[in-house]
Amino acid sequence: MTTTLPRTEALATVRGRRSRSSRGGAVGAFLLRRVIRLFWSVVALVTVVFLMVRMIPGDPVRNALGTNATAAVVEARRESLGLNDPLWQQYLSFWKGLLTGNLGDSFSLNLPVTAILEQRLPATLELAFLSLATVLVVSIPLGIVIAALTRGGRRPGLDVAYTSVSGLVAVIPEFVIGVALVYLFAVQTTLLPVAGRDGANSYVLPVLALSIGLIAGVSRIVRVEALTVFSQDYIRTARAKRMSRGRLYLTHALPNLVTPSLTVGGLVLGSLVAGTVLVETIFSWPGLGLTIVDAVRSKDFPLAQGIVLVYGLIVLVANLLIDIVLVCLDPRSTLKDA
């Protein structure tokens, strides 16, 4: 004996399959667009870095060899490095080196750029991702708590105080915060080390310098998003059912804040990568930020190019990964905004 689905159920099944198939195709197209965008972004990044580094005034070869080097020695060195070639030929050679993993040798350190990157990159990544984790772990709960306390016009004094203080702190540059921390912990007290990368304590001040302003800024964004979520009908319904605050915020509000928080996280990472240049210089942190300052000062083209490329690629790849996570978590909203 065979049974058949009612007509309405069969139609619903077919529509569901078509919807899933259509959504899968839309996700695939979205990811393809993002990968193509990443490709052209990398091309633009490489081109801008190549041209920008060559706009640094001065002769890198003369600077590397010193003032006592003869003109013949300098010219021979420039010829061996290909700096006398036409600009377009240097550009093609630069791309060839990138595709083969050869970024050249540092003029000032006489070491392969890839070896320097391998040595210095871990310190910068540790600083950037520890700071990112600190920003997200502190700012998201802070924004939610402030939103919960001030929703519906409650506690106007707290609202004004938080908005004023966070707005002020958010615009303070990282290097100003870093200098203030150095003054406080090196001049006034000796509670924490202010230079080098030796032990867990040496991470505290650089991470704080990078995180404090961003915590203030991100928590403001989270607060605005949380206030929007708290005003939704399903939140009012949950409150009407006498749901506990902890369950309300953790199971209903927090999941709806993941998408904007991840989006902001991508922007924060870009800011952190840029901020490490100054913060590493202030705290003598042995990462890429301190190295690129020295490379620019010494007109070290290959090293400066390699470091800027690494910074740019970190931001581009991180944003691609965030887009992938967002489309997996919330495909409807992400595809609609794409």
C-alpha atoms as a PDB file:
ATOM      1  CA  MET A   1       0.000   0.000   0.000  1.00  0.00           C
ATOM      2  CA  THR A   2       1.480   3.352  -0.949  1.00  0.00           C
ATOM      3  CA  THR A   3       0.817   6.674   0.597  1.00  0.00           C
ATOM      4  CA  THR A   4       1.121  10.077  -1.046  1.00  0.00           C
ATOM      5  CA  LEU A   5       1.677  13.424   0.518  1.00  0.00           C
ATOM      6  CA  PRO A   6      -1.215  15.852   0.358  1.00  0.00           C
ATOM      7  CA  ARG A   7      -0.852  18.390  -2.405  1.00  0.00           C
ATOM      8  CA  THR A   8      -0.124  21.295  -0.040  1.00  0.00           C
ATOM      9  CA  GLU A   9       2.597  19.367   1.774  1.00  0.00           C
ATOM     10  CA  ALA A  10       4.229  18.356  -1.510  1.00  0.00           C
ATOM     11  CA  LEU A  11       4.223  21.960  -2.724  1.00  0.00           C
ATOM     12  CA  ALA A  12       5.710  23.123   0.573  1.00  0.00           C
ATOM     13  CA  THR A  13       8.459  20.513   0.320  1.00  0.00           C
ATOM     14  CA  VAL A  14       9.334  21.556  -3.235  1.00  0.00           C
ATOM     15  CA  ARG A  15       9.347  25.229  -2.302  1.00  0.00           C
ATOM     16  CA  GLY A  16      11.593  24.520   0.682  1.00  0.00           C
ATOM     17  CA  ARG A  17      14.068  22.670  -1.505  1.00  0.00           C
ATOM     18  CA  ARG A  18      14.039  25.456  -4.067  1.00  0.00           C
ATOM     19  CA  SER A  19      14.540  28.042  -1.327  1.00  0.00           C
ATOM     20  CA  ARG A  20      17.534  26.184   0.103  1.00  0.00           C
ATOM     21  CA  SER A  21      18.986  25.705  -3.364  1.00  0.00           C
ATOM     22  CA  SER A  22      18.468  29.383  -4.186  1.00  0.00           C
ATOM     23  CA  ARG A  23      20.036  30.453  -0.885  1.00  0.00           C
ATOM     24  CA  GLY A  24      23.016  28.164  -1.461  1.00  0.00           C
ATOM     25  CA  GLY A  25      23.540  29.678  -4.893  1.00  0.00           C
ATOM     26  CA  ALA A  26      23.291  33.186  -3.457  1.00  0.00           C
ATOM     27  CA  VAL A  27      25.876  32.351  -0.777  1.00  0.00           C
ATOM     28  CA  GLY A  28      28.210  30.922  -3.399  1.00  0.00           C
ATOM     29  CA  ALA A  29      27.840  34.036  -5.553  1.00  0.00           C
ATOM     30  CA  PHE A  30      28.424  36.239  -2.496  1.00  0.00           C
ATOM     31  CA  LEU A  31      31.652  34.402  -1.590  1.00  0.00           C
ATOM     32  CA  LEU A  32      32.831  34.520  -5.214  1.00  0.00           C
ATOM     33  CA  ARG A  33      32.303  38.295  -5.280  1.00  0.00           C
ATOM     34  CA  ARG A  34      34.242  38.649  -2.044  1.00  0.00           C
ATOM     35  CA  VAL A  35      37.160  36.585  -3.381  1.00  0.00           C
ATOM     36  CA  ILE A  36      37.243  38.638  -6.598  1.00  0.00           C
ATOM     37  CA  ARG A  37      37.164  41.815  -4.518  1.00  0.00           C
ATOM     38  CA  LEU A  38      40.045  40.460  -2.426  1.00  0.00           C
ATOM     39  CA  PHE A  39      42.060  39.766  -5.585  1.00  0.00           C
ATOM     40  CA  TRP A  40      41.674  43.303  -6.924  1.00  0.00           C
ATOM     41  CA  SER A  41      42.292  44.741  -3.470  1.00  0.00           C
ATOM     42  CA  VAL A  42      45.597  42.863  -3.320  1.00  0.00           C
ATOM     43  CA  VAL A  43      46.542  44.156  -6.782  1.00  0.00           C
ATOM     44  CA  ALA A  44      45.754  47.717  -5.689  1.00  0.00           C
ATOM     45  CA  LEU A  45      47.633  47.224  -2.413  1.00  0.00           C
ATOM     46  CA  VAL A  46      50.774  45.945  -4.155  1.00  0.00           C
ATOM     47  CA  THR A  47      50.692  48.807  -6.661  1.00  0.00           C
ATOM     48  CA  VAL A  48      50.194  51.507  -4.036  1.00  0.00           C
ATOM     49  CA  VAL A  49      52.918  50.060  -1.793  1.00  0.00           C
ATOM     50  CA  PHE A  50      55.368  49.845  -4.697  1.00  0.00           C
ATOM     51  CA  LEU A  51      54.805  53.475  -5.703  1.00  0.00           C
ATOM     52  CA  MET A  52      54.521  54.857  -2.171  1.00  0.00           C
ATOM     53  CA  VAL A  53      57.821  53.441  -0.961  1.00  0.00           C
ATOM     54  CA  ARG A  54      59.629  54.901  -3.964  1.00  0.00           C
ATOM     55  CA  MET A  55      58.307  58.345  -3.112  1.00  0.00           C
ATOM     56  CA  ILE A  56      60.366  58.375   0.099  1.00  0.00           C
ATOM     57  CA  PRO A  57      62.978  61.118  -0.460  1.00  0.00           C
ATOM     58  CA  GLY A  58      66.661  60.242  -0.465  1.00  0.00           C
ATOM     59  CA  ASP A  59      68.913  57.571  -1.959  1.00  0.00           C
ATOM     60  CA  PRO A  60      68.500  54.224  -0.152  1.00  0.00           C
ATOM     61  CA  VAL A  61      71.768  52.852  -1.534  1.00  0.00           C
ATOM     62  CA  ARG A  62      73.779  55.880  -0.425  1.00  0.00           C
ATOM     63  CA  ASN A  63      72.092  55.726   2.955  1.00  0.00           C
ATOM     64  CA  ALA A  64      72.913  52.004   3.319  1.00  0.00           C
ATOM     65  CA  LEU A  65      76.542  52.270   2.169  1.00  0.00           C
ATOM     66  CA  GLY A  66      77.302  55.463   4.053  1.00  0.00           C
ATOM     67  CA  THR A  67      78.760  58.788   3.028  1.00  0.00           C
ATOM     68  CA  ASN A  68      82.269  57.359   2.595  1.00  0.00           C
ATOM     69  CA  ALA A  69      81.273  55.062  -0.280  1.00  0.00           C
ATOM     70  CA  THR A  70      82.498  56.201  -3.681  1.00  0.00           C
ATOM     71  CA  ALA A  71      80.124  57.104  -6.483  1.00  0.00           C
ATOM     72  CA  ALA A  72      81.282  54.055  -8.463  1.00  0.00           C
ATOM     73  CA  VAL A  73      80.451  51.698  -5.580  1.00  0.00           C
ATOM     74  CA  VAL A  74      77.037  53.299  -5.119  1.00  0.00           C
ATOM     75  CA  GLU A  75      76.264  53.062  -8.819  1.00  0.00           C
ATOM     76  CA  ALA A  76      77.343  49.424  -8.980  1.00  0.00           C
ATOM     77  CA  ARG A  77      75.116  48.620  -6.012  1.00  0.00           C
ATOM     78  CA  ARG A  78      72.137  50.392  -7.586  1.00  0.00           C
ATOM     79  CA  GLU A  79      72.680  48.414 -10.794  1.00  0.00           C
ATOM     80  CA  SER A  80      72.856  45.096  -8.928  1.00  0.00           C
ATOM     81  CA  LEU A  81      69.617  45.889  -7.102  1.00  0.00           C
ATOM     82  CA  GLY A  82      67.821  46.860 -10.298  1.00  0.00           C
ATOM     83  CA  LEU A  83      67.157  50.421  -9.128  1.00  0.00           C
ATOM     84  CA  ASN A  84      68.416  51.818 -12.430  1.00  0.00           C
ATOM     85  CA  ASP A  85      65.802  49.846 -14.389  1.00  0.00           C
ATOM     86  CA  PRO A  86      62.679  51.600 -15.697  1.00  0.00           C
ATOM     87  CA  LEU A  87      59.883  51.844 -13.155  1.00  0.00           C
ATOM     88  CA  TRP A  88      57.612  49.429 -15.033  1.00  0.00           C
ATOM     89  CA  GLN A  89      60.392  46.835 -15.119  1.00  0.00           C
ATOM     90  CA  GLN A  90      60.950  47.235 -11.376  1.00  0.00           C
ATOM     91  CA  TYR A  91      57.204  46.773 -10.882  1.00  0.00           C
ATOM     92  CA  LEU A  92      57.161  43.510 -12.853  1.00  0.00           C
ATOM     93  CA  SER A  93      60.222  42.285 -10.957  1.00  0.00           C
ATOM     94  CA  PHE A  94      58.451  43.128  -7.716  1.00  0.00           C
ATOM     95  CA  TRP A  95      55.444  41.009  -8.718  1.00  0.00           C
ATOM     96  CA  LYS A  96      57.732  38.158  -9.789  1.00  0.00           C
ATOM     97  CA  GLY A  97      59.414  38.242  -6.392  1.00  0.00           C
ATOM     98  CA  LEU A  98      56.046  38.220  -4.616  1.00  0.00           C
ATOM     99  CA  LEU A  99      54.793  35.222  -6.572  1.00  0.00           C
ATOM    100  CA  THR A 100      57.983  33.287  -5.861  1.00  0.00           C
ATOM    101  CA  GLY A 101      58.153  34.257  -2.189  1.00  0.00           C
ATOM    102  CA  ASN A 102      61.247  36.423  -2.665  1.00  0.00           C
ATOM    103  CA  LEU A 103      60.809  39.928  -1.248  1.00  0.00           C
ATOM    104  CA  GLY A 104      64.468  40.784  -1.669  1.00  0.00           C
ATOM    105  CA  ASP A 105      67.092  41.643   0.917  1.00  0.00           C
ATOM    106  CA  SER A 106      66.973  44.465   3.431  1.00  0.00           C
ATOM    107  CA  PHE A 107      69.332  47.301   2.517  1.00  0.00           C
ATOM    108  CA  SER A 108      70.068  48.176   6.131  1.00  0.00           C
ATOM    109  CA  LEU A 109      70.125  44.722   7.785  1.00  0.00           C
ATOM    110  CA  ASN A 110      71.544  42.682   4.871  1.00  0.00           C
ATOM    111  CA  LEU A 111      69.049  39.908   5.599  1.00  0.00           C
ATOM    112  CA  PRO A 112      66.219  38.452   3.496  1.00  0.00           C
ATOM    113  CA  VAL A 113      63.006  40.377   4.101  1.00  0.00           C
ATOM    114  CA  THR A 114      61.084  37.122   4.561  1.00  0.00           C
ATOM    115  CA  ALA A 115      63.451  36.121   7.391  1.00  0.00           C
ATOM    116  CA  ILE A 116      62.884  39.464   9.125  1.00  0.00           C
ATOM    117  CA  LEU A 117      59.116  39.130   8.733  1.00  0.00           C
ATOM    118  CA  GLU A 118      59.180  35.618  10.196  1.00  0.00           C
ATOM    119  CA  GLN A 119      61.143  36.917  13.169  1.00  0.00           C
ATOM    120  CA  ARG A 120      59.119  40.079  13.895  1.00  0.00           C
ATOM    121  CA  LEU A 121      55.583  39.180  12.764  1.00  0.00           C
ATOM    122  CA  PRO A 122      54.673  36.944  15.766  1.00  0.00           C
ATOM    123  CA  ALA A 123      55.234  39.802  18.224  1.00  0.00           C
ATOM    124  CA  THR A 124      52.949  42.116  16.259  1.00  0.00           C
ATOM    125  CA  LEU A 125      50.245  39.465  15.827  1.00  0.00           C
ATOM    126  CA  GLU A 126      50.304  38.689  19.551  1.00  0.00           C
ATOM    127  CA  LEU A 127      49.882  42.363  20.379  1.00  0.00           C
ATOM    128  CA  ALA A 128      47.130  42.944  17.801  1.00  0.00           C
ATOM    129  CA  PHE A 129      45.019  39.881  18.619  1.00  0.00           C
ATOM    130  CA  LEU A 130      45.400  40.231  22.398  1.00  0.00           C
ATOM    131  CA  SER A 131      44.221  43.818  22.012  1.00  0.00           C
ATOM    132  CA  LEU A 132      41.336  42.731  19.762  1.00  0.00           C
ATOM    133  CA  ALA A 133      40.267  40.097  22.293  1.00  0.00           C
ATOM    134  CA  THR A 134      40.458  42.664  25.088  1.00  0.00           C
ATOM    135  CA  VAL A 135      38.354  45.152  23.125  1.00  0.00           C
ATOM    136  CA  LEU A 136      35.628  42.627  22.301  1.00  0.00           C
ATOM    137  CA  VAL A 137      35.545  40.962  25.730  1.00  0.00           C
ATOM    138  CA  VAL A 138      35.214  44.306  27.536  1.00  0.00           C
ATOM    139  CA  SER A 139      33.242  46.486  25.099  1.00  0.00           C
ATOM    140  CA  ILE A 140      30.437  44.065  24.203  1.00  0.00           C
ATOM    141  CA  PRO A 141      29.323  43.343  27.808  1.00  0.00           C
ATOM    142  CA  LEU A 142      29.860  47.000  28.715  1.00  0.00           C
ATOM    143  CA  GLY A 143      27.679  48.214  25.847  1.00  0.00           C
ATOM    144  CA  ILE A 144      24.934  45.699  26.679  1.00  0.00           C
ATOM    145  CA  VAL A 145      24.956  46.599  30.388  1.00  0.00           C
ATOM    146  CA  ILE A 146      24.812  50.342  29.717  1.00  0.00           C
ATOM    147  CA  ALA A 147      21.995  49.799  27.199  1.00  0.00           C
ATOM    148  CA  ALA A 148      20.050  47.693  29.717  1.00  0.00           C
ATOM    149  CA  LEU A 149      20.474  50.325  32.433  1.00  0.00           C
ATOM    150  CA  THR A 150      19.527  53.297  30.243  1.00  0.00           C
ATOM    151  CA  ARG A 151      16.823  51.790  27.976  1.00  0.00           C
ATOM    152  CA  GLY A 152      13.591  53.689  27.660  1.00  0.00           C
ATOM    153  CA  GLY A 153      15.074  56.901  29.068  1.00  0.00           C
ATOM    154  CA  ARG A 154      16.014  55.359  32.420  1.00  0.00           C
ATOM    155  CA  ARG A 155      18.929  56.802  34.447  1.00  0.00           C
ATOM    156  CA  PRO A 156      19.541  59.907  32.307  1.00  0.00           C
ATOM    157  CA  GLY A 157      22.487  60.896  34.485  1.00  0.00           C
ATOM    158  CA  LEU A 158      24.298  57.647  33.722  1.00  0.00           C
ATOM    159  CA  ASP A 159      23.427  58.033  30.038  1.00  0.00           C
ATOM    160  CA  VAL A 160      24.959  61.519  29.847  1.00  0.00           C
ATOM    161  CA  ALA A 161      28.036  60.551  31.893  1.00  0.00           C
ATOM    162  CA  TYR A 162      28.729  57.430  29.848  1.00  0.00           C
ATOM    163  CA  THR A 163      28.180  59.174  26.508  1.00  0.00           C
ATOM    164  CA  SER A 164      30.445  62.086  27.469  1.00  0.00           C
ATOM    165  CA  VAL A 165      33.297  60.034  28.919  1.00  0.00           C
ATOM    166  CA  SER A 166      33.280  57.338  26.244  1.00  0.00           C
ATOM    167  CA  GLY A 167      33.101  59.945  23.473  1.00  0.00           C
ATOM    168  CA  LEU A 168      36.112  61.751  24.924  1.00  0.00           C
ATOM    169  CA  VAL A 169      38.197  58.618  25.472  1.00  0.00           C
ATOM    170  CA  ALA A 170      37.361  57.239  22.017  1.00  0.00           C
ATOM    171  CA  VAL A 171      39.043  60.147  20.216  1.00  0.00           C
ATOM    172  CA  ILE A 172      42.306  60.048  22.192  1.00  0.00           C
ATOM    173  CA  PRO A 173      45.050  58.676  19.893  1.00  0.00           C
ATOM    174  CA  GLU A 174      46.838  55.491  20.929  1.00  0.00           C
ATOM    175  CA  PHE A 175      50.221  57.192  21.173  1.00  0.00           C
ATOM    176  CA  VAL A 176      48.867  59.767  23.642  1.00  0.00           C
ATOM    177  CA  ILE A 177      47.501  56.982  25.834  1.00  0.00           C
ATOM    178  CA  GLY A 178      50.814  55.154  25.453  1.00  0.00           C
ATOM    179  CA  VAL A 179      52.854  58.165  26.527  1.00  0.00           C
ATOM    180  CA  ALA A 180      50.554  58.687  29.517  1.00  0.00           C
ATOM    181  CA  LEU A 181      51.002  55.044  30.537  1.00  0.00           C
ATOM    182  CA  VAL A 182      54.775  55.334  30.217  1.00  0.00           C
ATOM    183  CA  TYR A 183      54.746  58.439  32.401  1.00  0.00           C
ATOM    184  CA  LEU A 184      52.532  56.773  34.979  1.00  0.00           C
ATOM    185  CA  PHE A 185      54.353  53.434  35.156  1.00  0.00           C
ATOM    186  CA  ALA A 186      57.938  54.499  34.400  1.00  0.00           C
ATOM    187  CA  VAL A 187      58.210  57.943  35.962  1.00  0.00           C
ATOM    188  CA  GLN A 188      55.701  57.838  38.804  1.00  0.00           C
ATOM    189  CA  THR A 189      55.803  54.127  39.643  1.00  0.00           C
ATOM    190  CA  THR A 190      57.648  50.983  38.581  1.00  0.00           C
ATOM    191  CA  LEU A 191      54.765  48.539  38.763  1.00  0.00           C
ATOM    192  CA  LEU A 192      54.982  47.350  35.148  1.00  0.00           C
ATOM    193  CA  PRO A 193      57.753  47.243  32.522  1.00  0.00           C
ATOM    194  CA  VAL A 194      57.454  49.891  29.834  1.00  0.00           C
ATOM    195  CA  ALA A 195      59.883  48.517  27.237  1.00  0.00           C
ATOM    196  CA  GLY A 196      60.621  45.193  25.590  1.00  0.00           C
ATOM    197  CA  ARG A 197      58.800  41.890  25.316  1.00  0.00           C
ATOM    198  CA  ASP A 198      59.858  39.846  28.311  1.00  0.00           C
ATOM    199  CA  GLY A 199      57.194  38.042  30.299  1.00  0.00           C
ATOM    200  CA  ALA A 200      53.442  38.426  30.655  1.00  0.00           C
ATOM    201  CA  ASN A 201      53.726  41.800  32.431  1.00  0.00           C
ATOM    202  CA  SER A 202      55.351  43.378  29.371  1.00  0.00           C
ATOM    203  CA  TYR A 203      52.109  42.880  27.396  1.00  0.00           C
ATOM    204  CA  VAL A 204      49.913  44.857  29.775  1.00  0.00           C
ATOM    205  CA  LEU A 205      50.769  48.444  28.853  1.00  0.00           C
ATOM    206  CA  PRO A 206      50.974  48.033  25.041  1.00  0.00           C
ATOM    207  CA  VAL A 207      47.657  46.163  25.042  1.00  0.00           C
ATOM    208  CA  LEU A 208      46.054  48.861  27.212  1.00  0.00           C
ATOM    209  CA  ALA A 209      47.400  51.612  24.958  1.00  0.00           C
ATOM    210  CA  LEU A 210      45.827  49.957  21.922  1.00  0.00           C
ATOM    211  CA  SER A 211      42.592  48.925  23.632  1.00  0.00           C
ATOM    212  CA  ILE A 212      41.373  51.786  25.826  1.00  0.00           C
ATOM    213  CA  GLY A 213      40.183  54.116  23.073  1.00  0.00           C
ATOM    214  CA  LEU A 214      38.692  51.296  21.023  1.00  0.00           C
ATOM    215  CA  ILE A 215      36.820  49.894  24.041  1.00  0.00           C
ATOM    216  CA  ALA A 216      35.121  53.250  24.465  1.00  0.00           C
ATOM    217  CA  GLY A 217      34.242  53.527  20.780  1.00  0.00           C
ATOM    218  CA  VAL A 218      33.059  49.950  20.262  1.00  0.00           C
ATOM    219  CA  SER A 219      30.985  49.920  23.453  1.00  0.00           C
ATOM    220  CA  ARG A 220      29.102  52.970  22.159  1.00  0.00           C
ATOM    221  CA  ILE A 221      28.272  51.108  18.934  1.00  0.00           C
ATOM    222  CA  VAL A 222      27.220  47.983  20.845  1.00  0.00           C
ATOM    223  CA  ARG A 223      25.032  50.096  23.122  1.00  0.00           C
ATOM    224  CA  VAL A 224      23.174  51.607  20.161  1.00  0.00           C
ATOM    225  CA  GLU A 225      22.658  48.171  18.607  1.00  0.00           C
ATOM    226  CA  ALA A 226      21.548  46.733  21.958  1.00  0.00           C
ATOM    227  CA  LEU A 227      18.983  49.511  22.450  1.00  0.00           C
ATOM    228  CA  THR A 228      17.565  48.652  19.032  1.00  0.00           C
ATOM    229  CA  VAL A 229      17.351  44.961  19.952  1.00  0.00           C
ATOM    230  CA  PHE A 230      15.764  45.734  23.343  1.00  0.00           C
ATOM    231  CA  SER A 231      12.970  47.647  21.602  1.00  0.00           C
ATOM    232  CA  GLN A 232      11.948  44.653  19.454  1.00  0.00           C
ATOM    233  CA  ASP A 233       8.608  42.910  20.014  1.00  0.00           C
ATOM    234  CA  TYR A 234      10.125  39.535  20.899  1.00  0.00           C
ATOM    235  CA  ILE A 235      12.096  41.143  23.739  1.00  0.00           C
ATOM    236  CA  ARG A 236       8.926  42.780  25.067  1.00  0.00           C
ATOM    237  CA  THR A 237       7.158  39.428  24.844  1.00  0.00           C
ATOM    238  CA  ALA A 238       9.953  37.725  26.778  1.00  0.00           C
ATOM    239  CA  ARG A 239       9.753  40.394  29.497  1.00  0.00           C
ATOM    240  CA  ALA A 240       5.982  39.994  29.657  1.00  0.00           C
ATOM    241  CA  LYS A 241       6.514  36.280  30.329  1.00  0.00           C
ATOM    242  CA  ARG A 242       8.681  37.191  33.347  1.00  0.00           C
ATOM    243  CA  MET A 243      11.810  35.718  31.814  1.00  0.00           C
ATOM    244  CA  SER A 244      14.900  36.229  33.982  1.00  0.00           C
ATOM    245  CA  ARG A 245      17.243  39.029  32.934  1.00  0.00           C
ATOM    246  CA  GLY A 246      20.203  36.712  32.513  1.00  0.00           C
ATOM    247  CA  ARG A 247      18.318  34.383  30.190  1.00  0.00           C
ATOM    248  CA  LEU A 248      16.752  37.311  28.342  1.00  0.00           C
ATOM    249  CA  TYR A 249      20.080  38.952  27.556  1.00  0.00           C
ATOM    250  CA  LEU A 250      22.083  35.774  26.911  1.00  0.00           C
ATOM    251  CA  THR A 251      19.607  33.785  24.826  1.00  0.00           C
ATOM    252  CA  HIS A 252      17.588  36.506  23.087  1.00  0.00           C
ATOM    253  CA  ALA A 253      19.571  39.739  22.943  1.00  0.00           C
ATOM    254  CA  LEU A 254      23.189  38.578  22.647  1.00  0.00           C
ATOM    255  CA  PRO A 255      22.764  36.344  19.554  1.00  0.00           C
ATOM    256  CA  ASN A 256      21.248  39.281  17.670  1.00  0.00           C
ATOM    257  CA  LEU A 257      24.287  41.402  18.529  1.00  0.00           C
ATOM    258  CA  VAL A 258      26.815  38.941  17.111  1.00  0.00           C
ATOM    259  CA  THR A 259      26.540  40.181  13.525  1.00  0.00           C
ATOM    260  CA  PRO A 260      27.147  43.896  14.228  1.00  0.00           C
ATOM    261  CA  SER A 261      29.861  42.987  16.750  1.00  0.00           C
ATOM    262  CA  LEU A 262      31.748  40.908  14.175  1.00  0.00           C
ATOM    263  CA  THR A 263      31.402  43.681  11.602  1.00  0.00           C
ATOM    264  CA  VAL A 264      32.851  46.186  14.056  1.00  0.00           C
ATOM    265  CA  GLY A 265      35.565  43.657  14.930  1.00  0.00           C
ATOM    266  CA  GLY A 266      36.850  43.783  11.357  1.00  0.00           C
ATOM    267  CA  LEU A 267      37.113  47.563  11.517  1.00  0.00           C
ATOM    268  CA  VAL A 268      38.778  47.356  14.926  1.00  0.00           C
ATOM    269  CA  LEU A 269      41.427  44.973  13.615  1.00  0.00           C
ATOM    270  CA  GLY A 270      42.366  47.451  10.899  1.00  0.00           C
ATOM    271  CA  SER A 271      42.701  50.203  13.489  1.00  0.00           C
ATOM    272  CA  LEU A 272      44.775  47.954  15.735  1.00  0.00           C
ATOM    273  CA  VAL A 273      47.161  47.045  12.922  1.00  0.00           C
ATOM    274  CA  ALA A 274      47.724  50.734  12.193  1.00  0.00           C
ATOM    275  CA  GLY A 275      48.039  51.556  15.890  1.00  0.00           C
ATOM    276  CA  THR A 276      50.784  49.002  16.485  1.00  0.00           C
ATOM    277  CA  VAL A 277      53.254  51.143  14.511  1.00  0.00           C
ATOM    278  CA  LEU A 278      53.238  53.951  17.076  1.00  0.00           C
ATOM    279  CA  VAL A 279      52.608  51.814  20.150  1.00  0.00           C
ATOM    280  CA  GLU A 280      55.486  49.451  19.350  1.00  0.00           C
ATOM    281  CA  THR A 281      57.767  52.458  18.936  1.00  0.00           C
ATOM    282  CA  ILE A 282      56.725  53.909  22.309  1.00  0.00           C
ATOM    283  CA  PHE A 283      57.184  50.629  24.188  1.00  0.00           C
ATOM    284  CA  SER A 284      60.200  49.376  22.170  1.00  0.00           C
ATOM    285  CA  TRP A 285      58.165  46.329  21.190  1.00  0.00           C
ATOM    286  CA  PRO A 286      60.199  44.081  18.839  1.00  0.00           C
ATOM    287  CA  GLY A 287      57.536  43.770  16.158  1.00  0.00           C
ATOM    288  CA  LEU A 288      56.862  45.015  12.653  1.00  0.00           C
ATOM    289  CA  GLY A 289      55.719  48.451  13.828  1.00  0.00           C
ATOM    290  CA  LEU A 290      59.109  49.340  15.269  1.00  0.00           C
ATOM    291  CA  THR A 291      60.836  47.744  12.277  1.00  0.00           C
ATOM    292  CA  ILE A 292      58.902  49.742   9.678  1.00  0.00           C
ATOM    293  CA  VAL A 293      59.770  53.009  11.412  1.00  0.00           C
ATOM    294  CA  ASP A 294      63.463  52.105  11.155  1.00  0.00           C
ATOM    295  CA  ALA A 295      62.994  50.964   7.535  1.00  0.00           C
ATOM    296  CA  VAL A 296      61.407  54.267   6.489  1.00  0.00           C
ATOM    297  CA  ARG A 297      64.099  56.265   8.265  1.00  0.00           C
ATOM    298  CA  SER A 298      66.839  54.342   6.452  1.00  0.00           C
ATOM    299  CA  LYS A 299      64.987  54.321   3.089  1.00  0.00           C
ATOM    300  CA  ASP A 300      65.020  50.523   3.144  1.00  0.00           C
ATOM    301  CA  PHE A 301      62.670  49.874   0.182  1.00  0.00           C
ATOM    302  CA  PRO A 302      62.387  46.068   0.326  1.00  0.00           C
ATOM    303  CA  LEU A 303      61.792  45.914   4.078  1.00  0.00           C
ATOM    304  CA  ALA A 304      59.260  48.767   4.105  1.00  0.00           C
ATOM    305  CA  GLN A 305      57.403  47.206   1.165  1.00  0.00           C
ATOM    306  CA  GLY A 306      57.263  43.803   2.810  1.00  0.00           C
ATOM    307  CA  ILE A 307      55.946  45.122   6.118  1.00  0.00           C
ATOM    308  CA  VAL A 308      53.254  47.335   4.580  1.00  0.00           C
ATOM    309  CA  LEU A 309      52.123  44.416   2.421  1.00  0.00           C
ATOM    310  CA  VAL A 310      51.848  42.170   5.473  1.00  0.00           C
ATOM    311  CA  TYR A 311      49.790  44.802   7.310  1.00  0.00           C
ATOM    312  CA  GLY A 312      47.473  45.218   4.340  1.00  0.00           C
ATOM    313  CA  LEU A 313      47.050  41.483   3.779  1.00  0.00           C
ATOM    314  CA  ILE A 314      46.199  40.914   7.445  1.00  0.00           C
ATOM    315  CA  VAL A 315      43.344  43.419   7.213  1.00  0.00           C
ATOM    316  CA  LEU A 316      42.063  42.149   3.840  1.00  0.00           C
ATOM    317  CA  VAL A 317      42.123  38.461   4.787  1.00  0.00           C
ATOM    318  CA  ALA A 318      40.582  39.154   8.212  1.00  0.00           C
ATOM    319  CA  ASN A 319      37.687  41.024   6.613  1.00  0.00           C
ATOM    320  CA  LEU A 320      37.142  38.188   4.132  1.00  0.00           C
ATOM    321  CA  LEU A 321      36.999  35.670   6.996  1.00  0.00           C
ATOM    322  CA  ILE A 322      34.532  37.882   8.865  1.00  0.00           C
ATOM    323  CA  ASP A 323      32.323  38.068   5.760  1.00  0.00           C
ATOM    324  CA  ILE A 324      32.374  34.262   5.542  1.00  0.00           C
ATOM    325  CA  VAL A 325      31.454  33.898   9.215  1.00  0.00           C
ATOM    326  CA  LEU A 326      28.655  36.459   8.874  1.00  0.00           C
ATOM    327  CA  VAL A 327      27.113  34.771   5.841  1.00  0.00           C
ATOM    328  CA  CYS A 328      27.197  31.442   7.701  1.00  0.00           C
ATOM    329  CA  LEU A 329      25.605  32.873  10.858  1.00  0.00           C
ATOM    330  CA  ASP A 330      23.047  35.177   9.276  1.00  0.00           C
ATOM    331  CA  PRO A 331      22.816  34.585   5.522  1.00  0.00           C
ATOM    332  CA  ARG A 332      19.603  36.569   4.988  1.00  0.00           C
ATOM    333  CA  SER A 333      20.838  39.846   6.489  1.00  0.00           C
ATOM    334  CA  THR A 334      24.332  39.508   5.035  1.00  0.00           C
ATOM    335  CA  LEU A 335      23.129  38.763   1.513  1.00  0.00           C
ATOM    336  CA  LYS A 336      20.565  41.552   1.697  1.00  0.00           C
ATOM    337  CA  ASP A 337      23.272  44.086   2.654  1.00  0.00           C
ATOM    338  CA  ALA A 338      25.820  42.767   0.127  1.00  0.00           C
END
